[in-house]
N, C-alpha and C. Protein backbone atom coordinates (compact mmCIF):
# COMPACT_ATOMS: atom_id res chain seq x y z
N MET A 1 7.34 -6.99 -5.21
CA MET A 1 6.93 -6.30 -4.02
C MET A 1 5.41 -6.10 -4.00
N TRP A 2 4.83 -5.69 -5.13
CA TRP A 2 3.40 -5.40 -5.15
C TRP A 2 2.57 -6.64 -4.87
N SER A 3 2.96 -7.79 -5.42
CA SER A 3 2.18 -9.00 -5.17
C SER A 3 2.30 -9.40 -3.69
N HIS A 4 3.47 -9.19 -3.10
CA HIS A 4 3.63 -9.47 -1.67
C HIS A 4 2.65 -8.60 -0.86
N LEU A 5 2.57 -7.33 -1.20
CA LEU A 5 1.66 -6.43 -0.49
C LEU A 5 0.21 -6.86 -0.69
N GLN A 6 -0.12 -7.26 -1.91
CA GLN A 6 -1.50 -7.64 -2.20
C GLN A 6 -1.92 -8.91 -1.46
N TYR A 7 -1.06 -9.92 -1.43
CA TYR A 7 -1.45 -11.22 -0.91
C TYR A 7 -1.00 -11.51 0.51
N LYS A 8 -0.01 -10.82 1.03
CA LYS A 8 0.53 -11.12 2.35
C LYS A 8 0.18 -10.07 3.41
N SER A 9 -0.65 -9.09 3.04
CA SER A 9 -1.05 -8.05 3.99
C SER A 9 -2.42 -8.37 4.56
N LYS A 10 -2.75 -7.73 5.67
CA LYS A 10 -4.02 -7.99 6.33
C LYS A 10 -4.84 -6.71 6.43
N ILE A 11 -6.14 -6.86 6.30
CA ILE A 11 -7.05 -5.73 6.42
C ILE A 11 -7.13 -5.32 7.89
N VAL A 12 -7.06 -4.01 8.13
CA VAL A 12 -7.13 -3.45 9.48
C VAL A 12 -8.46 -2.72 9.62
N VAL A 13 -9.16 -3.00 10.73
CA VAL A 13 -10.42 -2.31 11.01
C VAL A 13 -10.30 -1.57 12.34
N ASP A 14 -11.06 -0.49 12.46
CA ASP A 14 -11.05 0.27 13.72
C ASP A 14 -12.07 -0.33 14.69
N ASP A 15 -12.23 0.29 15.83
CA ASP A 15 -13.14 -0.23 16.86
C ASP A 15 -14.59 -0.26 16.41
N ALA A 16 -14.95 0.60 15.46
CA ALA A 16 -16.32 0.65 14.96
C ALA A 16 -16.54 -0.35 13.81
N GLY A 17 -15.49 -1.07 13.42
CA GLY A 17 -15.61 -2.04 12.34
C GLY A 17 -15.35 -1.48 10.95
N LYS A 18 -14.93 -0.22 10.87
CA LYS A 18 -14.63 0.40 9.58
C LYS A 18 -13.20 0.03 9.15
N VAL A 19 -13.06 -0.32 7.88
CA VAL A 19 -11.73 -0.67 7.36
C VAL A 19 -10.86 0.58 7.32
N VAL A 20 -9.67 0.47 7.92
CA VAL A 20 -8.70 1.57 7.97
C VAL A 20 -7.74 1.49 6.79
N GLY A 21 -7.27 0.29 6.50
CA GLY A 21 -6.30 0.12 5.42
C GLY A 21 -5.75 -1.29 5.40
N LEU A 22 -4.59 -1.43 4.80
CA LEU A 22 -3.95 -2.73 4.59
C LEU A 22 -2.62 -2.76 5.33
N ALA A 23 -2.52 -3.64 6.34
CA ALA A 23 -1.30 -3.75 7.15
C ALA A 23 -0.28 -4.64 6.45
N ILE A 24 0.93 -4.14 6.33
CA ILE A 24 2.01 -4.88 5.69
C ILE A 24 2.46 -6.00 6.63
N GLY A 25 2.57 -7.21 6.10
CA GLY A 25 2.91 -8.38 6.89
C GLY A 25 4.33 -8.36 7.44
N ASP A 26 4.56 -9.21 8.44
CA ASP A 26 5.83 -9.27 9.16
C ASP A 26 7.03 -9.62 8.28
N LYS A 27 6.83 -10.39 7.24
CA LYS A 27 7.95 -10.85 6.42
C LYS A 27 8.29 -9.90 5.27
N PHE A 28 7.72 -8.72 5.27
CA PHE A 28 8.00 -7.71 4.24
C PHE A 28 9.39 -7.16 4.47
N ASN A 29 10.28 -7.35 3.51
CA ASN A 29 11.66 -6.87 3.63
C ASN A 29 12.22 -6.60 2.24
N PHE A 30 11.86 -5.47 1.69
CA PHE A 30 12.31 -5.10 0.35
C PHE A 30 13.17 -3.85 0.42
N GLU A 31 14.16 -3.79 -0.45
CA GLU A 31 15.00 -2.60 -0.55
C GLU A 31 14.31 -1.56 -1.41
N ASN A 32 14.83 -0.37 -1.41
CA ASN A 32 14.33 0.73 -2.24
C ASN A 32 12.89 1.11 -1.94
N THR A 33 12.50 1.01 -0.69
CA THR A 33 11.17 1.46 -0.28
C THR A 33 11.24 1.96 1.16
N GLU A 34 10.43 2.97 1.45
CA GLU A 34 10.32 3.46 2.82
C GLU A 34 9.37 2.59 3.64
N LEU A 35 8.54 1.81 2.95
CA LEU A 35 7.56 0.97 3.63
C LEU A 35 8.25 -0.15 4.38
N LYS A 36 7.66 -0.52 5.54
CA LYS A 36 8.19 -1.65 6.29
C LYS A 36 7.07 -2.42 6.98
N ALA A 37 7.41 -3.59 7.44
CA ALA A 37 6.43 -4.44 8.11
C ALA A 37 5.73 -3.67 9.22
N GLY A 38 4.41 -3.82 9.30
CA GLY A 38 3.62 -3.14 10.32
C GLY A 38 2.98 -1.85 9.85
N ASP A 39 3.51 -1.24 8.78
CA ASP A 39 2.87 -0.04 8.24
C ASP A 39 1.49 -0.40 7.71
N VAL A 40 0.57 0.57 7.76
CA VAL A 40 -0.78 0.36 7.25
C VAL A 40 -1.00 1.31 6.07
N ILE A 41 -1.15 0.73 4.89
CA ILE A 41 -1.39 1.53 3.68
C ILE A 41 -2.84 1.96 3.67
N VAL A 42 -3.08 3.27 3.59
CA VAL A 42 -4.45 3.80 3.62
C VAL A 42 -4.88 4.41 2.29
N GLU A 43 -3.91 4.84 1.48
CA GLU A 43 -4.22 5.42 0.16
C GLU A 43 -3.12 5.09 -0.83
N ALA A 44 -3.52 4.98 -2.08
CA ALA A 44 -2.57 4.86 -3.19
C ALA A 44 -3.11 5.73 -4.32
N ASN A 45 -2.31 6.69 -4.74
CA ASN A 45 -2.72 7.66 -5.76
C ASN A 45 -4.09 8.26 -5.46
N GLN A 46 -4.27 8.68 -4.22
CA GLN A 46 -5.47 9.38 -3.73
C GLN A 46 -6.73 8.52 -3.72
N SER A 47 -6.57 7.19 -3.79
CA SER A 47 -7.71 6.27 -3.65
C SER A 47 -7.56 5.50 -2.36
N SER A 48 -8.65 5.36 -1.63
CA SER A 48 -8.62 4.60 -0.38
C SER A 48 -8.27 3.14 -0.65
N ILE A 49 -7.48 2.58 0.25
CA ILE A 49 -7.09 1.18 0.15
C ILE A 49 -7.76 0.41 1.28
N THR A 50 -8.66 -0.49 0.91
CA THR A 50 -9.35 -1.31 1.90
C THR A 50 -9.12 -2.80 1.67
N SER A 51 -8.34 -3.14 0.64
CA SER A 51 -8.04 -4.54 0.36
C SER A 51 -6.83 -4.62 -0.56
N GLY A 52 -6.31 -5.82 -0.71
CA GLY A 52 -5.22 -6.03 -1.65
C GLY A 52 -5.64 -5.73 -3.08
N ALA A 53 -6.90 -6.01 -3.39
CA ALA A 53 -7.42 -5.73 -4.73
C ALA A 53 -7.41 -4.23 -5.03
N ASP A 54 -7.70 -3.41 -4.03
CA ASP A 54 -7.66 -1.95 -4.21
C ASP A 54 -6.24 -1.50 -4.56
N LEU A 55 -5.25 -2.07 -3.87
CA LEU A 55 -3.86 -1.71 -4.14
C LEU A 55 -3.45 -2.15 -5.54
N SER A 56 -3.83 -3.35 -5.90
CA SER A 56 -3.53 -3.86 -7.24
C SER A 56 -4.16 -2.98 -8.32
N LYS A 57 -5.38 -2.55 -8.10
CA LYS A 57 -6.07 -1.68 -9.05
C LYS A 57 -5.35 -0.34 -9.19
N ALA A 58 -4.91 0.24 -8.08
CA ALA A 58 -4.21 1.52 -8.13
C ALA A 58 -2.91 1.40 -8.92
N VAL A 59 -2.18 0.31 -8.72
CA VAL A 59 -0.93 0.09 -9.48
C VAL A 59 -1.24 -0.11 -10.95
N ARG A 60 -2.26 -0.89 -11.25
CA ARG A 60 -2.65 -1.15 -12.65
C ARG A 60 -3.05 0.15 -13.35
N LEU A 61 -3.83 0.99 -12.68
CA LEU A 61 -4.24 2.27 -13.28
C LEU A 61 -3.03 3.16 -13.54
N ALA A 62 -2.08 3.18 -12.62
CA ALA A 62 -0.86 3.97 -12.81
C ALA A 62 -0.07 3.45 -14.00
N LYS A 63 0.02 2.13 -14.13
CA LYS A 63 0.72 1.54 -15.28
C LYS A 63 0.01 1.90 -16.58
N ASN A 64 -1.32 1.82 -16.58
CA ASN A 64 -2.09 2.16 -17.78
C ASN A 64 -1.88 3.62 -18.19
N ASP A 65 -1.65 4.48 -17.20
CA ASP A 65 -1.40 5.90 -17.46
C ASP A 65 0.07 6.18 -17.74
N LYS A 66 0.88 5.11 -17.84
CA LYS A 66 2.32 5.20 -18.15
C LYS A 66 3.10 5.95 -17.07
N LYS A 67 2.63 5.88 -15.83
CA LYS A 67 3.35 6.51 -14.72
C LYS A 67 4.44 5.56 -14.23
N ASP A 68 5.53 6.12 -13.74
CA ASP A 68 6.63 5.27 -13.27
C ASP A 68 6.68 5.18 -11.75
N GLU A 69 5.73 5.84 -11.07
CA GLU A 69 5.66 5.72 -9.62
C GLU A 69 4.23 5.93 -9.15
N ILE A 70 4.01 5.55 -7.91
CA ILE A 70 2.69 5.66 -7.31
C ILE A 70 2.87 6.30 -5.93
N GLU A 71 1.95 7.18 -5.55
CA GLU A 71 2.04 7.81 -4.24
C GLU A 71 1.29 6.95 -3.22
N ILE A 72 1.96 6.63 -2.14
CA ILE A 72 1.39 5.80 -1.08
C ILE A 72 1.28 6.64 0.20
N VAL A 73 0.11 6.61 0.82
CA VAL A 73 -0.08 7.21 2.14
C VAL A 73 -0.23 6.05 3.11
N TYR A 74 0.56 6.10 4.18
CA TYR A 74 0.54 4.99 5.13
C TYR A 74 0.65 5.51 6.57
N LEU A 75 0.24 4.66 7.49
CA LEU A 75 0.35 4.96 8.92
C LEU A 75 1.47 4.11 9.50
N ARG A 76 2.31 4.76 10.30
CA ARG A 76 3.34 4.05 11.05
C ARG A 76 3.22 4.51 12.49
N GLU A 77 2.86 3.59 13.36
CA GLU A 77 2.66 3.90 14.79
C GLU A 77 1.70 5.07 14.97
N GLY A 78 0.64 5.09 14.14
CA GLY A 78 -0.41 6.10 14.27
C GLY A 78 -0.15 7.42 13.56
N THR A 79 1.04 7.61 13.00
CA THR A 79 1.38 8.85 12.30
C THR A 79 1.30 8.63 10.79
N LYS A 80 0.67 9.58 10.10
CA LYS A 80 0.50 9.47 8.66
C LYS A 80 1.75 9.95 7.92
N HIS A 81 2.15 9.19 6.90
CA HIS A 81 3.32 9.51 6.06
C HIS A 81 2.95 9.33 4.60
N LYS A 82 3.73 9.97 3.72
CA LYS A 82 3.58 9.81 2.27
C LYS A 82 4.91 9.40 1.69
N THR A 83 4.84 8.58 0.65
CA THR A 83 6.05 8.20 -0.08
C THR A 83 5.68 7.95 -1.54
N LYS A 84 6.64 8.08 -2.39
CA LYS A 84 6.47 7.71 -3.80
C LYS A 84 7.21 6.41 -4.01
N GLN A 85 6.54 5.47 -4.63
CA GLN A 85 7.12 4.15 -4.85
C GLN A 85 7.18 3.86 -6.34
N LYS A 86 8.37 3.46 -6.80
CA LYS A 86 8.57 3.14 -8.21
C LYS A 86 7.73 1.93 -8.62
N ILE A 87 7.25 1.97 -9.85
CA ILE A 87 6.58 0.83 -10.45
C ILE A 87 7.54 0.21 -11.44
N VAL A 88 7.78 -1.07 -11.31
CA VAL A 88 8.70 -1.77 -12.20
C VAL A 88 7.89 -2.40 -13.31
N TYR A 89 8.26 -2.09 -14.55
CA TYR A 89 7.60 -2.67 -15.71
C TYR A 89 8.39 -3.85 -16.20
N LYS A 90 7.69 -4.94 -16.50
CA LYS A 90 8.35 -6.13 -17.03
C LYS A 90 7.83 -6.47 -18.39
């Protein structure tokens, strides 16, 4: 799921050209997550997300800290939501 988010999502910018977050692509369809296609990820573990690399870094830092989940803040139809997403260790 994380690699899909990193590589298949698009950067969203506002009218002023400022990056808002990372929009989840249309083909995102994973179980065990509140996230869905069209959501815009704006934060992960209290760090702003402006690219797929930012999301990857947040997941990596959580793994390094031995955490089993990451907090995601996202926009759905303009409304801000929070969710905790499990990190799968392989």
